Amino acid sequence: MEQLLQHLRNLGFTELESKVMVCLAQQSTQSGYEVAKRLGVSRSNVYATLQRLLTRGVVQLTPGEPARYSMLPVKELTRMIAGQIDASLSYLEQEMPSSREENPSFHIVEGERNVIELINRELDKAGEEIVAGIWREEAAWFRQKLEHAEQRGVRVLWSFEGLEEDGHPGIRLLKGGISGRKFWMVIDRHWCIVGMRGDGIPAQALVTEHPLMAELLLQHFSQEIILYEMENDLGQELIRRYGQGYTRILDRYLPGIIPTD
């Protein structure tokens, strides 16, 4: 019941309007007095609510003594609401003033639900290419959306972050590593998100359309591809010459920054 009421509230109905609608739907016709009695609400509030619902067209009135009220059939109700929402969204898209910033901004999105919903919306809009890096634990977030994107002809390239096949964590440049699992994505080479999530750590992400971020992430992905191909071709020879995780090269240019644990 609470979930149904929440969805009605999401559609713009008040708490009492939602409860009156559900009450009417549970029985074919009722008087305002009967509705008020079932809900435990004053008759004046119920009659005012019924009048608003009549005005919106979601409730039907049968004149009489007393007058009786009934809900619009559910298929008619949903079709009417869907048409109203589509019309409002279309008008909003055309008429809402918008100011284009000269320089793309950076903003933070916090909370797992907000991050997932944002990424899913952008994945649905992808037209040409999606490049992503994600840990296996978070792959379930986006797998279905990425598969759907591929089915509609979008080029999808993604890699798993974190542990390599041999159990090593790859190249790390911060002592102790990062406390959390990172994920990133570039859509159509302009929309970017970089974030982190972990057990007991709320999801948080940086979002931008700045071309520099897209360039950095795509360069990172290109380097990952090159290393992957080299390691497949040369295997242990790379470790022998450059050390596990290329530590001999990194220590030459970034002495002291390579973790020893």
Protein backbone atom coordinates (compact mmCIF):
# COMPACT_ATOMS: atom_id res chain seq x y z
CA MET A 1 0.00 0.00 0.00
CA GLU A 2 2.73 2.47 0.92
CA GLN A 3 4.50 1.84 -2.38
CA LEU A 4 1.28 2.57 -4.30
CA LEU A 5 0.77 5.79 -2.35
CA GLN A 6 4.38 6.81 -3.02
CA HIS A 7 3.92 6.37 -6.77
CA LEU A 8 0.76 8.45 -6.68
CA ARG A 9 2.64 11.16 -4.79
CA ASN A 10 5.38 10.97 -7.44
CA LEU A 11 2.68 11.77 -10.02
CA GLY A 12 1.79 14.97 -8.18
CA PHE A 13 -1.11 13.90 -5.99
CA THR A 14 -1.13 14.96 -2.34
CA GLU A 15 -1.07 12.46 0.51
CA LEU A 16 -4.83 12.74 1.09
CA GLU A 17 -5.65 12.71 -2.62
CA SER A 18 -3.63 9.49 -2.98
CA LYS A 19 -5.41 7.84 -0.05
CA VAL A 20 -8.85 8.89 -1.35
CA MET A 21 -8.03 7.49 -4.80
CA VAL A 22 -6.95 4.13 -3.37
CA CYS A 23 -10.00 4.05 -1.09
CA LEU A 24 -12.34 4.65 -4.02
CA ALA A 25 -10.54 2.05 -6.12
CA GLN A 26 -11.09 -0.57 -3.42
CA GLN A 27 -14.88 -0.24 -3.73
CA SER A 28 -17.00 0.59 -6.77
CA THR A 29 -18.80 3.71 -5.49
CA GLN A 30 -18.81 5.51 -2.16
CA SER A 31 -20.21 8.67 -0.65
CA GLY A 32 -17.93 11.33 0.75
CA TYR A 33 -19.11 10.34 4.24
CA GLU A 34 -18.11 6.70 3.64
CA VAL A 35 -14.68 7.69 2.37
CA ALA A 36 -14.11 9.98 5.36
CA LYS A 37 -15.18 7.22 7.76
CA ARG A 38 -12.88 4.62 6.18
CA LEU A 39 -9.90 6.97 6.20
CA GLY A 40 -10.58 8.51 9.59
CA VAL A 41 -10.42 12.01 8.14
CA SER A 42 -12.81 14.94 8.54
CA ARG A 43 -15.64 15.09 5.96
CA SER A 44 -14.78 18.67 5.02
CA ASN A 45 -11.23 17.67 4.03
CA VAL A 46 -12.48 14.64 2.10
CA TYR A 47 -15.13 16.63 0.19
CA ALA A 48 -12.56 19.30 -0.70
CA THR A 49 -10.20 16.57 -1.90
CA LEU A 50 -12.95 14.88 -3.96
CA GLN A 51 -13.73 18.22 -5.59
CA ARG A 52 -10.07 18.64 -6.64
CA LEU A 53 -9.99 15.10 -8.01
CA LEU A 54 -13.20 15.74 -9.94
CA THR A 55 -11.63 18.86 -11.43
CA ARG A 56 -8.61 16.83 -12.51
CA GLY A 57 -10.85 14.23 -14.10
CA VAL A 58 -9.62 11.23 -12.12
CA VAL A 59 -12.85 10.77 -10.12
CA GLN A 60 -16.41 10.38 -11.43
CA LEU A 61 -19.52 11.73 -9.71
CA THR A 62 -22.92 10.02 -9.65
CA PRO A 63 -25.55 12.62 -8.58
CA GLY A 64 -28.00 11.58 -5.90
CA GLU A 65 -28.76 11.87 -2.24
CA PRO A 66 -26.10 11.37 -1.20
CA ALA A 67 -23.82 11.90 -4.20
CA ARG A 68 -21.51 8.96 -4.84
CA TYR A 69 -17.98 8.93 -6.17
CA SER A 70 -15.95 6.36 -8.10
CA MET A 71 -12.46 6.16 -9.59
CA LEU A 72 -11.84 6.44 -13.30
CA PRO A 73 -11.02 2.94 -14.67
CA VAL A 74 -7.30 2.34 -14.13
CA LYS A 75 -6.42 2.03 -17.84
CA GLU A 76 -8.18 5.31 -18.61
CA LEU A 77 -6.50 6.93 -15.60
CA THR A 78 -2.97 5.88 -16.60
CA ARG A 79 -3.56 6.84 -20.24
CA MET A 80 -4.80 10.28 -19.20
CA ILE A 81 -1.88 10.88 -16.79
CA ALA A 82 0.67 9.65 -19.35
CA GLY A 83 -0.73 12.07 -21.94
CA GLN A 84 -0.57 14.97 -19.48
CA ILE A 85 3.01 14.14 -18.50
CA ASP A 86 4.14 13.78 -22.14
CA ALA A 87 2.56 17.12 -23.01
CA SER A 88 4.18 18.85 -20.03
CA LEU A 89 7.62 17.36 -20.73
CA SER A 90 7.40 18.33 -24.40
CA TYR A 91 6.47 21.91 -23.48
CA LEU A 92 9.20 22.04 -20.83
CA GLU A 93 11.84 20.87 -23.27
CA GLN A 94 10.87 23.52 -25.82
CA GLU A 95 10.15 26.49 -23.57
CA MET A 96 12.39 26.17 -20.50
CA PRO A 97 15.06 28.92 -20.61
CA SER A 98 18.57 27.55 -20.64
CA SER A 99 21.91 29.29 -20.29
CA ARG A 100 24.91 27.55 -21.82
CA GLU A 101 28.04 28.01 -19.77
CA GLU A 102 31.17 28.98 -21.63
CA ASN A 103 33.21 26.50 -19.61
CA PRO A 104 31.82 23.07 -18.72
CA SER A 105 31.24 22.70 -15.01
CA PHE A 106 32.10 19.92 -12.58
CA HIS A 107 29.57 18.74 -10.04
CA ILE A 108 29.31 16.04 -7.38
CA VAL A 109 26.60 13.38 -7.16
CA GLU A 110 26.23 11.57 -3.85
CA GLY A 111 24.33 8.43 -2.88
CA GLU A 112 24.15 5.07 -4.64
CA ARG A 113 20.63 5.59 -5.97
CA ASN A 114 21.40 9.04 -7.40
CA VAL A 115 24.58 7.80 -9.08
CA ILE A 116 22.90 4.76 -10.61
CA GLU A 117 19.90 6.73 -11.87
CA LEU A 118 22.14 9.39 -13.42
CA ILE A 119 24.34 6.86 -15.22
CA ASN A 120 21.34 4.88 -16.45
CA ARG A 121 19.79 8.04 -17.93
CA GLU A 122 23.01 8.89 -19.76
CA LEU A 123 23.44 5.31 -21.00
CA ASP A 124 19.94 5.48 -22.49
CA LYS A 125 20.96 8.64 -24.38
CA ALA A 126 24.26 7.26 -25.71
CA GLY A 127 24.36 7.50 -29.49
CA GLU A 128 27.79 6.38 -30.65
CA GLU A 129 30.21 5.13 -28.01
CA ILE A 130 30.51 4.13 -24.36
CA VAL A 131 33.91 3.55 -22.75
CA ALA A 132 33.91 2.40 -19.14
CA GLY A 133 36.08 1.00 -16.35
CA ILE A 134 34.37 -0.72 -13.44
CA TRP A 135 35.02 -3.25 -10.69
CA ARG A 136 33.37 -6.63 -11.00
CA GLU A 137 31.32 -5.96 -7.85
CA GLU A 138 29.59 -3.01 -9.54
CA ALA A 139 29.23 -4.59 -12.99
CA ALA A 140 25.63 -5.57 -12.23
CA TRP A 141 24.73 -1.88 -11.99
CA PHE A 142 25.22 -1.28 -15.69
CA ARG A 143 25.51 -4.61 -17.51
CA GLN A 144 21.92 -4.65 -18.81
CA LYS A 145 22.07 -1.02 -19.98
CA LEU A 146 25.38 -1.65 -21.77
CA GLU A 147 23.94 -4.70 -23.49
CA HIS A 148 20.92 -2.69 -24.64
CA ALA A 149 23.24 0.03 -25.96
CA GLU A 150 25.14 -2.55 -28.00
CA GLN A 151 21.88 -3.88 -29.41
CA ARG A 152 20.97 -0.45 -30.76
CA GLY A 153 24.37 -0.07 -32.43
CA VAL A 154 26.39 1.84 -29.82
CA ARG A 155 30.08 0.89 -29.64
CA VAL A 156 30.73 -0.35 -26.10
CA LEU A 157 34.22 -0.79 -24.65
CA TRP A 158 34.65 -1.63 -21.00
CA SER A 159 37.24 -3.09 -18.70
CA PHE A 160 37.26 -4.37 -15.14
CA GLU A 161 39.16 -2.32 -12.60
CA GLY A 162 40.78 -3.78 -9.50
CA LEU A 163 42.50 -7.15 -9.30
CA GLU A 164 44.08 -8.57 -12.41
CA GLU A 165 43.60 -12.18 -13.46
CA ASP A 166 46.65 -13.23 -11.44
CA GLY A 167 45.32 -11.59 -8.28
CA HIS A 168 47.63 -8.56 -8.37
CA PRO A 169 46.11 -5.09 -8.07
CA GLY A 170 47.86 -3.68 -11.15
CA ILE A 171 49.75 -0.40 -10.99
CA ARG A 172 49.10 1.63 -7.83
CA LEU A 173 50.55 5.08 -7.31
CA LEU A 174 49.26 5.82 -3.81
CA LYS A 175 50.59 4.15 -0.69
CA GLY A 176 47.93 1.93 0.79
CA GLY A 177 45.83 2.18 -2.38
CA ILE A 178 42.42 3.82 -2.55
CA SER A 179 39.88 2.99 0.15
CA GLY A 180 37.03 2.02 -2.14
CA ARG A 181 36.27 0.74 -5.62
CA LYS A 182 36.50 3.27 -8.41
CA PHE A 183 34.42 3.39 -11.56
CA TRP A 184 34.46 5.72 -14.53
CA MET A 185 32.68 6.20 -17.84
CA VAL A 186 32.89 8.35 -20.98
CA ILE A 187 29.79 8.56 -23.18
CA ASP A 188 30.03 9.84 -26.76
CA ARG A 189 33.46 11.29 -25.90
CA HIS A 190 32.08 14.22 -23.91
CA TRP A 191 29.98 13.16 -20.87
CA CYS A 192 32.20 11.82 -18.08
CA ILE A 193 31.73 10.39 -14.62
CA VAL A 194 34.41 9.30 -12.17
CA GLY A 195 33.34 7.82 -8.86
CA MET A 196 34.04 5.52 -5.96
CA ARG A 197 32.05 3.11 -3.86
CA GLY A 198 32.92 0.58 -1.21
CA ASP A 199 31.52 -1.53 1.58
CA GLY A 200 30.36 0.98 4.17
CA ILE A 201 31.33 3.89 1.89
CA PRO A 202 28.48 5.81 0.22
CA ALA A 203 28.78 6.16 -3.55
CA GLN A 204 30.13 9.52 -4.70
CA ALA A 205 30.96 10.68 -8.21
CA LEU A 206 32.33 13.65 -10.14
CA VAL A 207 30.39 14.48 -13.32
CA THR A 208 31.48 16.79 -16.13
CA GLU A 209 31.46 17.38 -19.88
CA HIS A 210 34.85 19.08 -19.80
CA PRO A 211 36.91 17.84 -22.79
CA LEU A 212 40.03 17.53 -20.64
CA MET A 213 38.41 14.88 -18.45
CA ALA A 214 37.25 12.94 -21.50
CA GLU A 215 40.76 13.09 -22.93
CA LEU A 216 42.38 11.92 -19.69
CA LEU A 217 40.01 8.98 -19.24
CA LEU A 218 40.31 7.89 -22.87
CA GLN A 219 44.12 8.13 -22.63
CA HIS A 220 43.96 5.94 -19.51
CA PHE A 221 41.84 3.40 -21.36
CA SER A 222 44.21 3.46 -24.35
CA GLN A 223 47.18 2.76 -22.08
CA GLU A 224 45.28 -0.12 -20.47
CA ILE A 225 44.67 -1.62 -23.92
CA ILE A 226 48.34 -1.30 -24.86
CA LEU A 227 49.50 -2.89 -21.59
CA TYR A 228 46.98 -5.70 -21.97
CA GLU A 229 48.23 -6.57 -25.45
CA MET A 230 51.90 -6.31 -24.42
CA GLU A 231 51.37 -8.53 -21.39
CA ASN A 232 49.58 -11.14 -23.49
CA ASP A 233 52.42 -11.14 -26.02
CA LEU A 234 55.46 -10.88 -23.74
CA GLY A 235 54.22 -12.31 -20.42
CA GLN A 236 57.01 -13.03 -17.91
CA GLU A 237 59.55 -11.15 -20.00
CA LEU A 238 57.96 -7.86 -18.98
CA ILE A 239 58.11 -8.80 -15.30
CA ARG A 240 61.74 -9.89 -15.62
CA ARG A 241 62.77 -6.63 -17.28
CA TYR A 242 60.55 -4.10 -15.53
CA GLY A 243 59.40 -5.77 -12.29
CA GLN A 244 55.91 -6.75 -11.08
CA GLY A 245 53.54 -3.90 -11.81
CA TYR A 246 56.34 -2.07 -13.73
CA THR A 247 57.85 -0.96 -10.44
CA ARG A 248 61.35 -0.50 -11.91
CA ILE A 249 60.05 2.02 -14.44
CA LEU A 250 57.82 3.85 -11.99
CA ASP A 251 60.47 4.00 -9.28
CA ARG A 252 62.82 5.63 -11.76
CA TYR A 253 60.43 8.52 -12.41
CA LEU A 254 58.38 8.60 -9.20
CA PRO A 255 60.82 7.44 -6.48
CA GLY A 256 59.23 6.64 -3.15
CA ILE A 257 55.65 6.76 -4.31
CA ILE A 258 55.27 3.09 -5.17
CA PRO A 259 53.64 1.11 -2.33
CA THR A 260 55.81 -1.59 -0.80
CA ASP A 261 52.99 -3.52 0.91
